[in-house]
Amino acid sequence: MLPALTAHYTLLAPESRSCGQSDKPEVGDEVHLLAEDVRPLVRQLGLENVNPIGQDPGSIQA
């Protein structure tokens, strides 16, 4: 699905903590915290109009 969206949108696919090669903290991987991790990224990139989507387990964060 993501490749089809690239024609119309700028996509970000950050790796959530505890997933893939990111750090695996003992605590802090609750869904609300994972969703809040995206906020500083969006601000740092200067994005203002953001439409979050999720795929697989990420959809609950969106």
Protein backbone atom coordinates (compact mmCIF):
# COMPACT_ATOMS: atom_id res chain seq x y z
CA MET A 1 0.00 0.00 0.00
CA LEU A 2 2.76 2.49 0.85
CA PRO A 3 4.32 2.54 -2.64
CA ALA A 4 0.98 3.54 -4.18
CA LEU A 5 0.69 6.51 -1.81
CA THR A 6 4.11 7.96 -2.67
CA ALA A 7 2.74 9.54 -5.85
CA HIS A 8 0.51 11.83 -3.79
CA TYR A 9 2.01 12.07 -0.30
CA THR A 10 5.28 12.36 1.57
CA LEU A 11 5.44 9.23 3.69
CA LEU A 12 7.25 8.56 6.95
CA ALA A 13 7.56 5.07 8.30
CA PRO A 14 9.35 5.42 11.64
CA GLU A 15 10.31 2.28 13.48
CA SER A 16 8.62 2.18 16.87
CA ARG A 17 10.59 1.46 19.99
CA SER A 18 10.75 -2.25 20.74
CA CYS A 19 10.32 -3.08 17.03
CA GLY A 20 12.88 -4.12 14.47
CA GLN A 21 16.36 -2.81 15.22
CA SER A 22 15.28 -0.06 17.64
CA ASP A 23 16.01 -0.11 21.36
CA LYS A 24 14.04 -2.60 23.41
CA PRO A 25 13.29 -0.89 26.74
CA GLU A 26 11.96 -2.92 29.63
CA VAL A 27 9.05 -0.48 29.96
CA GLY A 28 7.60 2.27 27.82
CA ASP A 29 6.16 0.38 24.88
CA GLU A 30 2.55 1.14 25.74
CA VAL A 31 0.48 2.21 22.74
CA HIS A 32 -0.08 5.79 23.92
CA LEU A 33 3.67 6.26 24.41
CA LEU A 34 4.46 4.81 21.01
CA ALA A 35 2.00 7.24 19.44
CA GLU A 36 3.53 10.16 21.36
CA ASP A 37 6.97 9.25 20.00
CA VAL A 38 5.85 10.48 16.58
CA ARG A 39 4.98 14.02 17.73
CA PRO A 40 8.60 15.26 18.13
CA LEU A 41 9.52 13.74 14.77
CA VAL A 42 6.70 15.61 13.03
CA ARG A 43 7.70 18.86 14.74
CA GLN A 44 11.40 18.42 13.95
CA LEU A 45 10.55 17.90 10.28
CA GLY A 46 8.37 21.03 10.29
CA LEU A 47 5.27 19.18 9.14
CA GLU A 48 1.94 20.83 9.84
CA ASN A 49 -0.72 18.88 7.94
CA VAL A 50 -0.29 15.26 8.97
CA ASN A 51 -2.61 12.34 8.29
CA PRO A 52 -1.46 9.35 10.33
CA ILE A 53 -2.15 5.87 9.09
CA GLY A 54 -0.98 2.56 10.44
CA GLN A 55 -0.23 -0.86 9.11
CA ASP A 56 -0.54 -4.08 11.07
CA PRO A 57 0.08 -3.34 14.80
CA GLY A 58 0.93 0.27 13.91
CA SER A 59 -2.67 1.04 13.04
CA ILE A 60 -3.60 1.26 16.71
CA GLN A 61 -0.94 3.98 17.18
CA ALA A 62 -2.30 6.04 14.29
